[in-house]
Amino acid sequence: MKNVTDELQKILQDLTGEGKKPTTALVRARLTTQIPMPAIIAAVKSFKSTSHVPKIEVRETSLTADERIAQLEEQVKELTERLIALENK
């Protein structure tokens, strides 16, 4: 298990330091570790009420190169679609 509490705490503090309201989307965008959405939501809620993030651990998964490439290709596809949608507004 990998403890991601410190990473979440730093991201949330950075966001508030920048004058931004911490949201799950902003936190997720800055994460370097893949964390399940319920854990991100719990961290944001806790931080908003107490300025503290509870201990959060995630299972470390080792992806093969092919799996990582497939994930990245899917992310690029999704981001391209979002960019096109934004440009067409």
Protein backbone atom coordinates (compact mmCIF):
# COMPACT_ATOMS: atom_id res chain seq x y z
CA MET A 1 0.00 0.00 0.00
CA LYS A 2 1.18 3.49 -0.83
CA ASN A 3 0.40 6.39 1.50
CA VAL A 4 -0.83 9.36 -0.58
CA THR A 5 -1.89 11.58 2.32
CA ASP A 6 1.08 13.93 1.99
CA GLU A 7 0.58 14.39 -1.74
CA LEU A 8 -3.10 15.22 -1.24
CA GLN A 9 -2.35 17.59 1.65
CA LYS A 10 0.26 19.45 -0.43
CA ILE A 11 -2.07 19.77 -3.44
CA LEU A 12 -4.91 21.07 -1.30
CA GLN A 13 -2.63 23.58 0.47
CA ASP A 14 -1.20 24.73 -2.86
CA LEU A 15 -4.69 25.31 -4.25
CA THR A 16 -5.78 27.37 -1.26
CA GLY A 17 -2.48 29.24 -1.36
CA GLU A 18 -3.25 30.17 -4.97
CA GLY A 19 -6.64 31.47 -3.88
CA LYS A 20 -8.52 28.62 -5.56
CA LYS A 21 -11.33 26.67 -3.96
CA PRO A 22 -10.24 23.01 -3.76
CA THR A 23 -12.43 20.76 -5.87
CA THR A 24 -12.12 17.11 -6.78
CA ALA A 25 -11.40 18.06 -10.40
CA LEU A 26 -8.57 20.44 -9.50
CA VAL A 27 -7.05 17.91 -7.11
CA ARG A 28 -7.33 15.04 -9.59
CA ALA A 29 -5.66 17.14 -12.29
CA ARG A 30 -2.59 17.67 -10.11
CA LEU A 31 -2.18 14.13 -8.81
CA THR A 32 0.83 12.10 -9.82
CA THR A 33 -0.66 8.94 -8.33
CA GLN A 34 -3.88 7.34 -9.44
CA ILE A 35 -6.32 7.66 -6.54
CA PRO A 36 -9.95 6.46 -6.56
CA MET A 37 -12.50 9.28 -6.74
CA PRO A 38 -14.18 8.42 -3.39
CA ALA A 39 -10.82 8.90 -1.66
CA ILE A 40 -10.30 12.27 -3.37
CA ILE A 41 -13.81 13.36 -2.37
CA ALA A 42 -13.19 12.34 1.25
CA ALA A 43 -9.88 14.22 1.30
CA VAL A 44 -11.41 17.41 -0.13
CA LYS A 45 -14.36 17.29 2.30
CA SER A 46 -12.08 16.72 5.26
CA PHE A 47 -9.70 19.48 4.19
CA LYS A 48 -12.53 21.97 3.74
CA SER A 49 -13.86 21.32 7.24
CA THR A 50 -10.65 20.78 9.22
CA SER A 51 -7.73 21.79 6.94
CA HIS A 52 -6.45 18.25 7.45
CA VAL A 53 -6.42 15.19 5.18
CA PRO A 54 -7.07 11.79 6.77
CA LYS A 55 -4.60 8.99 6.11
CA ILE A 56 -5.29 7.63 2.63
CA GLU A 57 -3.52 4.63 1.15
CA VAL A 58 -3.92 3.16 -2.30
CA ARG A 59 -2.88 -0.20 -3.64
CA GLU A 60 0.19 0.00 -5.80
CA THR A 61 -0.37 -1.48 -9.20
CA SER A 62 2.34 -2.26 -11.64
CA LEU A 63 1.10 -1.81 -15.16
CA THR A 64 2.78 -3.33 -18.13
CA ALA A 65 4.09 -1.03 -20.83
CA ASP A 66 1.19 -2.02 -23.10
CA GLU A 67 -1.36 -1.20 -20.38
CA ARG A 68 0.26 2.17 -19.72
CA ILE A 69 0.29 2.97 -23.44
CA ALA A 70 -3.38 2.01 -23.73
CA GLN A 71 -4.24 4.28 -20.79
CA LEU A 72 -2.30 7.17 -22.27
CA GLU A 73 -3.90 6.70 -25.67
CA GLU A 74 -7.34 6.76 -24.05
CA GLN A 75 -6.46 9.94 -22.14
CA VAL A 76 -5.21 11.62 -25.32
CA LYS A 77 -8.42 10.62 -27.10
CA GLU A 78 -10.59 12.03 -24.30
CA LEU A 79 -8.59 15.25 -24.09
CA THR A 80 -8.72 15.70 -27.86
CA GLU A 81 -12.49 15.29 -27.81
CA ARG A 82 -12.79 17.85 -25.00
CA LEU A 83 -10.54 20.29 -26.85
CA ILE A 84 -12.62 19.96 -30.02
CA ALA A 85 -15.82 20.52 -28.03
CA LEU A 86 -14.35 23.64 -26.43
CA GLU A 87 -13.15 25.01 -29.75
CA ASN A 88 -16.62 24.53 -31.27
CA LYS A 89 -18.34 26.62 -28.58
